Each structure stands twice: as C-alpha cells, then as structure tokens.
PDB file of N, CA and C in Angstrom:
ATOM      1  N   MET A   1       5.884  15.092 -15.036  1.00  0.00           N
ATOM      2  CA  MET A   1       5.273  14.791 -13.763  1.00  0.00           C
ATOM      3  C   MET A   1       5.758  13.431 -13.260  1.00  0.00           C
ATOM      4  N   GLY A   2       5.924  12.467 -14.128  1.00  0.00           N
ATOM      5  CA  GLY A   2       6.439  11.175 -13.716  1.00  0.00           C
ATOM      6  C   GLY A   2       5.381  10.154 -13.346  1.00  0.00           C
ATOM      7  N   TYR A   3       4.114  10.550 -13.261  1.00  0.00           N
ATOM      8  CA  TYR A   3       3.039   9.627 -12.911  1.00  0.00           C
ATOM      9  C   TYR A   3       2.075   9.515 -14.076  1.00  0.00           C
ATOM     10  N   VAL A   4       1.579   8.308 -14.313  1.00  0.00           N
ATOM     11  CA  VAL A   4       0.664   8.071 -15.415  1.00  0.00           C
ATOM     12  C   VAL A   4      -0.778   8.300 -14.979  1.00  0.00           C
ATOM     13  N   ALA A   5      -1.095   7.909 -13.737  1.00  0.00           N
ATOM     14  CA  ALA A   5      -2.464   8.032 -13.234  1.00  0.00           C
ATOM     15  C   ALA A   5      -2.464   7.967 -11.718  1.00  0.00           C
ATOM     16  N   ILE A   6      -3.574   8.407 -11.146  1.00  0.00           N
ATOM     17  CA  ILE A   6      -3.815   8.250  -9.716  1.00  0.00           C
ATOM     18  C   ILE A   6      -4.898   7.199  -9.583  1.00  0.00           C
ATOM     19  N   LEU A   7      -4.609   6.132  -8.842  1.00  0.00           N
ATOM     20  CA  LEU A   7      -5.600   5.092  -8.584  1.00  0.00           C
ATOM     21  C   LEU A   7      -6.218   5.383  -7.228  1.00  0.00           C
ATOM     22  N   ALA A   8      -7.535   5.519  -7.186  1.00  0.00           N
ATOM     23  CA  ALA A   8      -8.216   5.878  -5.951  1.00  0.00           C
ATOM     24  C   ALA A   8      -9.126   4.753  -5.491  1.00  0.00           C
ATOM     25  N   GLY A   9      -8.898   4.327  -4.269  1.00  0.00           N
ATOM     26  CA  GLY A   9      -9.762   3.358  -3.612  1.00  0.00           C
ATOM     27  C   GLY A   9     -10.371   4.013  -2.395  1.00  0.00           C
ATOM     28  N   PRO A  10     -10.915   3.216  -1.490  1.00  0.00           N
ATOM     29  CA  PRO A  10     -11.511   3.794  -0.289  1.00  0.00           C
ATOM     30  C   PRO A  10     -10.466   4.544   0.529  1.00  0.00           C
ATOM     31  N   MET A  11     -10.850   5.711   1.046  1.00  0.00           N
ATOM     32  CA  MET A  11      -9.955   6.510   1.884  1.00  0.00           C
ATOM     33  C   MET A  11     -10.800   7.435   2.742  1.00  0.00           C
ATOM     34  N   PRO A  12     -10.241   7.904   3.845  1.00  0.00           N
ATOM     35  CA  PRO A  12     -10.990   8.859   4.671  1.00  0.00           C
ATOM     36  C   PRO A  12     -11.249  10.144   3.894  1.00  0.00           C
ATOM     37  N   HIS A  13     -12.306  10.847   4.259  1.00  0.00           N
ATOM     38  CA  HIS A  13     -12.607  12.109   3.570  1.00  0.00           C
ATOM     39  C   HIS A  13     -11.565  13.167   3.855  1.00  0.00           C
ATOM     40  N   SER A  14     -11.114  13.260   5.090  1.00  0.00           N
ATOM     41  CA  SER A  14     -10.123  14.298   5.416  1.00  0.00           C
ATOM     42  C   SER A  14      -8.724  13.705   5.264  1.00  0.00           C
ATOM     43  N   THR A  15      -8.132  13.935   4.104  1.00  0.00           N
ATOM     44  CA  THR A  15      -6.798  13.432   3.816  1.00  0.00           C
ATOM     45  C   THR A  15      -5.875  14.590   3.486  1.00  0.00           C
ATOM     46  N   PRO A  16      -4.589  14.429   3.751  1.00  0.00           N
ATOM     47  CA  PRO A  16      -3.641  15.487   3.361  1.00  0.00           C
ATOM     48  C   PRO A  16      -3.722  15.713   1.848  1.00  0.00           C
ATOM     49  N   GLY A  17      -3.685  16.940   1.446  1.00  0.00           N
ATOM     50  CA  GLY A  17      -3.746  17.257   0.025  1.00  0.00           C
ATOM     51  C   GLY A  17      -5.131  17.624  -0.455  1.00  0.00           C
ATOM     52  N   ALA A  18      -6.147  17.413   0.383  1.00  0.00           N
ATOM     53  CA  ALA A  18      -7.511  17.747  -0.029  1.00  0.00           C
ATOM     54  C   ALA A  18      -7.735  19.253  -0.027  1.00  0.00           C
ATOM     55  N   LYS A  19      -6.953  19.967   0.762  1.00  0.00           N
ATOM     56  CA  LYS A  19      -7.046  21.425   0.882  1.00  0.00           C
ATOM     57  C   LYS A  19      -8.478  21.839   1.180  1.00  0.00           C
ATOM     58  N   GLU A  20      -9.071  22.703   0.356  1.00  0.00           N
ATOM     59  CA  GLU A  20     -10.402  23.223   0.638  1.00  0.00           C
ATOM     60  C   GLU A  20     -11.519  22.270   0.233  1.00  0.00           C
ATOM     61  N   ALA A  21     -11.210  21.203  -0.472  1.00  0.00           N
ATOM     62  CA  ALA A  21     -12.223  20.272  -0.968  1.00  0.00           C
ATOM     63  C   ALA A  21     -12.676  19.314   0.134  1.00  0.00           C
ATOM     64  N   SER A  22     -13.801  18.664  -0.101  1.00  0.00           N
ATOM     65  CA  SER A  22     -14.345  17.729   0.885  1.00  0.00           C
ATOM     66  C   SER A  22     -13.552  16.431   0.959  1.00  0.00           C
ATOM     67  N   SER A  23     -12.782  16.125  -0.078  1.00  0.00           N
ATOM     68  CA  SER A  23     -11.953  14.920  -0.086  1.00  0.00           C
ATOM     69  C   SER A  23     -10.830  15.106  -1.109  1.00  0.00           C
ATOM     70  N   PHE A  24      -9.843  14.223  -1.056  1.00  0.00           N
ATOM     71  CA  PHE A  24      -8.760  14.286  -2.030  1.00  0.00           C
ATOM     72  C   PHE A  24      -9.303  14.062  -3.443  1.00  0.00           C
ATOM     73  N   ILE A  25     -10.245  13.148  -3.594  1.00  0.00           N
ATOM     74  CA  ILE A  25     -10.815  12.872  -4.920  1.00  0.00           C
ATOM     75  C   ILE A  25     -11.519  14.120  -5.453  1.00  0.00           C
ATOM     76  N   ALA A  26     -12.290  14.797  -4.598  1.00  0.00           N
ATOM     77  CA  ALA A  26     -12.966  16.029  -5.021  1.00  0.00           C
ATOM     78  C   ALA A  26     -11.949  17.099  -5.402  1.00  0.00           C
ATOM     79  N   HIS A  27     -10.847  17.173  -4.673  1.00  0.00           N
ATOM     80  CA  HIS A  27      -9.797  18.140  -4.991  1.00  0.00           C
ATOM     81  C   HIS A  27      -9.186  17.853  -6.362  1.00  0.00           C
ATOM     82  N   VAL A  28      -8.861  16.594  -6.623  1.00  0.00           N
ATOM     83  CA  VAL A  28      -8.270  16.231  -7.920  1.00  0.00           C
ATOM     84  C   VAL A  28      -9.275  16.487  -9.042  1.00  0.00           C
ATOM     85  N   ASP A  29     -10.547  16.147  -8.823  1.00  0.00           N
ATOM     86  CA  ASP A  29     -11.576  16.407  -9.836  1.00  0.00           C
ATOM     87  C   ASP A  29     -11.671  17.900 -10.144  1.00  0.00           C
ATOM     88  N   ALA A  30     -11.568  18.730  -9.116  1.00  0.00           N
ATOM     89  CA  ALA A  30     -11.692  20.183  -9.302  1.00  0.00           C
ATOM     90  C   ALA A  30     -10.451  20.803  -9.938  1.00  0.00           C
ATOM     91  N   HIS A  31      -9.313  20.128  -9.831  1.00  0.00           N
ATOM     92  CA  HIS A  31      -8.048  20.652 -10.371  1.00  0.00           C
ATOM     93  C   HIS A  31      -7.394  19.623 -11.297  1.00  0.00           C
ATOM     94  N   SER A  32      -8.199  19.047 -12.179  1.00  0.00           N
ATOM     95  CA  SER A  32      -7.727  17.943 -13.016  1.00  0.00           C
ATOM     96  C   SER A  32      -6.554  18.322 -13.915  1.00  0.00           C
ATOM     97  N   ASN A  33      -6.399  19.601 -14.240  1.00  0.00           N
ATOM     98  CA  ASN A  33      -5.279  20.013 -15.089  1.00  0.00           C
ATOM     99  C   ASN A  33      -3.944  19.950 -14.347  1.00  0.00           C
ATOM    100  N   GLU A  34      -3.974  19.835 -13.019  1.00  0.00           N
ATOM    101  CA  GLU A  34      -2.751  19.794 -12.221  1.00  0.00           C
ATOM    102  C   GLU A  34      -2.316  18.376 -11.852  1.00  0.00           C
ATOM    103  N   TYR A  35      -3.141  17.391 -12.195  1.00  0.00           N
ATOM    104  CA  TYR A  35      -2.885  16.003 -11.788  1.00  0.00           C
ATOM    105  C   TYR A  35      -2.988  15.068 -12.978  1.00  0.00           C
ATOM    106  N   PRO A  36      -2.347  13.905 -12.870  1.00  0.00           N
ATOM    107  CA  PRO A  36      -2.572  12.879 -13.899  1.00  0.00           C
ATOM    108  C   PRO A  36      -4.018  12.384 -13.798  1.00  0.00           C
ATOM    109  N   PRO A  37      -4.485  11.627 -14.779  1.00  0.00           N
ATOM    110  CA  PRO A  37      -5.866  11.136 -14.739  1.00  0.00           C
ATOM    111  C   PRO A  37      -6.158  10.374 -13.442  1.00  0.00           C
ATOM    112  N   LEU A  38      -7.346  10.594 -12.892  1.00  0.00           N
ATOM    113  CA  LEU A  38      -7.800   9.906 -11.690  1.00  0.00           C
ATOM    114  C   LEU A  38      -8.671   8.743 -12.110  1.00  0.00           C
ATOM    115  N   ILE A  39      -8.290   7.549 -11.691  1.00  0.00           N
ATOM    116  CA  ILE A  39      -9.070   6.354 -12.004  1.00  0.00           C
ATOM    117  C   ILE A  39      -9.534   5.756 -10.683  1.00  0.00           C
ATOM    118  N   LYS A  40     -10.852   5.637 -10.538  1.00  0.00           N
ATOM    119  CA  LYS A  40     -11.427   5.127  -9.293  1.00  0.00           C
ATOM    120  C   LYS A  40     -11.581   3.615  -9.361  1.00  0.00           C
ATOM    121  N   LEU A  41     -11.130   2.940  -8.304  1.00  0.00           N
ATOM    122  CA  LEU A  41     -11.342   1.505  -8.173  1.00  0.00           C
ATOM    123  C   LEU A  41     -12.701   1.329  -7.506  1.00  0.00           C
ATOM    124  N   GLU A  42     -13.666   0.793  -8.260  1.00  0.00           N
ATOM    125  CA  GLU A  42     -15.036   0.705  -7.775  1.00  0.00           C
ATOM    126  C   GLU A  42     -15.614  -0.683  -7.957  1.00  0.00           C
ATOM    127  N   ALA A  43     -16.501  -1.024  -7.033  1.00  0.00           N
ATOM    128  CA  ALA A  43     -17.324  -2.226  -7.155  1.00  0.00           C
ATOM    129  C   ALA A  43     -18.757  -1.732  -6.969  1.00  0.00           C
ATOM    130  N   GLY A  44     -19.530  -1.787  -8.030  1.00  0.00           N
ATOM    131  CA  GLY A  44     -20.858  -1.179  -7.980  1.00  0.00           C
ATOM    132  C   GLY A  44     -20.701   0.326  -7.909  1.00  0.00           C
ATOM    133  N   ASP A  45     -21.354   0.935  -6.931  1.00  0.00           N
ATOM    134  CA  ASP A  45     -21.263   2.389  -6.764  1.00  0.00           C
ATOM    135  C   ASP A  45     -20.282   2.787  -5.671  1.00  0.00           C
ATOM    136  N   ASP A  46     -19.565   1.823  -5.111  1.00  0.00           N
ATOM    137  CA  ASP A  46     -18.666   2.093  -3.988  1.00  0.00           C
ATOM    138  C   ASP A  46     -17.207   2.009  -4.398  1.00  0.00           C
ATOM    139  N   LEU A  47     -16.386   2.860  -3.782  1.00  0.00           N
ATOM    140  CA  LEU A  47     -14.940   2.722  -3.961  1.00  0.00           C
ATOM    141  C   LEU A  47     -14.514   1.460  -3.226  1.00  0.00           C
ATOM    142  N   LYS A  48     -13.958   0.531  -3.961  1.00  0.00           N
ATOM    143  CA  LYS A  48     -13.565  -0.747  -3.364  1.00  0.00           C
ATOM    144  C   LYS A  48     -12.496  -1.380  -4.244  1.00  0.00           C
ATOM    145  N   ILE A  49     -11.435  -1.851  -3.615  1.00  0.00           N
ATOM    146  CA  ILE A  49     -10.367  -2.515  -4.360  1.00  0.00           C
ATOM    147  C   ILE A  49     -10.658  -4.006  -4.363  1.00  0.00           C
ATOM    148  N   THR A  50     -10.978  -4.521  -5.538  1.00  0.00           N
ATOM    149  CA  THR A  50     -11.227  -5.946  -5.722  1.00  0.00           C
ATOM    150  C   THR A  50     -10.378  -6.420  -6.892  1.00  0.00           C
ATOM    151  N   ASN A  51     -10.322  -7.713  -7.085  1.00  0.00           N
ATOM    152  CA  ASN A  51      -9.595  -8.240  -8.252  1.00  0.00           C
ATOM    153  C   ASN A  51     -10.166  -7.661  -9.541  1.00  0.00           C
ATOM    154  N   ASN A  52     -11.502  -7.623  -9.641  1.00  0.00           N
ATOM    155  CA  ASN A  52     -12.132  -7.109 -10.860  1.00  0.00           C
ATOM    156  C   ASN A  52     -11.881  -5.620 -11.054  1.00  0.00           C
ATOM    157  N   SER A  53     -11.983  -4.828  -9.977  1.00  0.00           N
ATOM    158  CA  SER A  53     -11.760  -3.388 -10.141  1.00  0.00           C
ATOM    159  C   SER A  53     -10.305  -3.106 -10.507  1.00  0.00           C
ATOM    160  N   PHE A  54      -9.389  -3.880  -9.946  1.00  0.00           N
ATOM    161  CA  PHE A  54      -7.975  -3.680 -10.275  1.00  0.00           C
ATOM    162  C   PHE A  54      -7.699  -4.068 -11.726  1.00  0.00           C
ATOM    163  N   LYS A  55      -8.283  -5.170 -12.187  1.00  0.00           N
ATOM    164  CA  LYS A  55      -8.114  -5.576 -13.591  1.00  0.00           C
ATOM    165  C   LYS A  55      -8.686  -4.514 -14.533  1.00  0.00           C
ATOM    166  N   ARG A  56      -9.848  -3.940 -14.160  1.00  0.00           N
ATOM    167  CA  ARG A  56     -10.459  -2.894 -14.986  1.00  0.00           C
ATOM    168  C   ARG A  56      -9.530  -1.694 -15.085  1.00  0.00           C
ATOM    169  N   VAL A  57      -8.912  -1.315 -13.974  1.00  0.00           N
ATOM    170  CA  VAL A  57      -7.989  -0.177 -13.963  1.00  0.00           C
ATOM    171  C   VAL A  57      -6.774  -0.471 -14.833  1.00  0.00           C
ATOM    172  N   LEU A  58      -6.267  -1.680 -14.769  1.00  0.00           N
ATOM    173  CA  LEU A  58      -5.126  -2.034 -15.630  1.00  0.00           C
ATOM    174  C   LEU A  58      -5.495  -1.916 -17.106  1.00  0.00           C
ATOM    175  N   ARG A  59      -6.718  -2.320 -17.456  1.00  0.00           N
ATOM    176  CA  ARG A  59      -7.172  -2.167 -18.848  1.00  0.00           C
ATOM    177  C   ARG A  59      -7.258  -0.683 -19.218  1.00  0.00           C
ATOM    178  N   GLU A  60      -7.776   0.151 -18.303  1.00  0.00           N
ATOM    179  CA  GLU A  60      -7.860   1.588 -18.577  1.00  0.00           C
ATOM    180  C   GLU A  60      -6.462   2.184 -18.755  1.00  0.00           C
ATOM    181  N   LEU A  61      -5.525   1.768 -17.910  1.00  0.00           N
ATOM    182  CA  LEU A  61      -4.153   2.258 -18.054  1.00  0.00           C
ATOM    183  C   LEU A  61      -3.568   1.855 -19.399  1.00  0.00           C
ATOM    184  N   HIS A  62      -3.871   0.644 -19.817  1.00  0.00           N
ATOM    185  CA  HIS A  62      -3.379   0.178 -21.115  1.00  0.00           C
ATOM    186  C   HIS A  62      -3.938   1.061 -22.230  1.00  0.00           C
ATOM    187  N   HIS A  63      -5.217   1.429 -22.127  1.00  0.00           N
ATOM    188  CA  HIS A  63      -5.834   2.298 -23.145  1.00  0.00           C
ATOM    189  C   HIS A  63      -5.250   3.710 -23.105  1.00  0.00           C
ATOM    190  N   LEU A  64      -4.755   4.130 -21.937  1.00  0.00           N
ATOM    191  CA  LEU A  64      -4.099   5.427 -21.845  1.00  0.00           C
ATOM    192  C   LEU A  64      -2.688   5.398 -22.428  1.00  0.00           C
ATOM    193  N   GLY A  65      -2.223   4.190 -22.755  1.00  0.00           N
ATOM    194  CA  GLY A  65      -0.891   4.041 -23.307  1.00  0.00           C
ATOM    195  C   GLY A  65       0.176   3.909 -22.246  1.00  0.00           C
ATOM    196  N   ALA A  66      -0.226   3.545 -21.029  1.00  0.00           N
ATOM    197  CA  ALA A  66       0.719   3.475 -19.915  1.00  0.00           C
ATOM    198  C   ALA A  66       1.350   2.112 -19.780  1.00  0.00           C
ATOM    199  N   ALA A  67       0.734   1.092 -20.327  1.00  0.00           N
ATOM    200  CA  ALA A  67       1.285  -0.258 -20.121  1.00  0.00           C
ATOM    201  C   ALA A  67       1.868  -0.801 -21.382  1.00  0.00           C
TER     202      ALA A  67
END
C-alpha cells in the first residue's frame, strides 16, 4: 500500500472518498481492512491539530514501527 497510517484532523463531513458513509473517517472505520490504521488528531473530544496531538500521533506511529 505504501502508507503507514492515515492522520485525521478536522475536515468537512462531505469529503471525496466517503462514499455512502457520513464522513471519510466513518468510511475508513467501516472498511478498516482496506486502509492503513486511522489515527485521529484530537484535543479533548474534538478533532484538532495541536502540537500535543501531533506529538501523540508521532508516538503512536513509533509504536506501530513506522518511525
């Protein structure tokens, strides 16, 4: 596949690739066997790209063996 993970931050609900799902994230969650791991950049309960959320994602990627 060539990709280690999908990093997801805030995005509109209607995005290309969402197909029948309510959002791209919901589509990837429903078809996880077709995609690399989905890692959400979050601050609290919201999708948000911050220094801390990005650092957390880098640590998760390292644990996946990607870094």
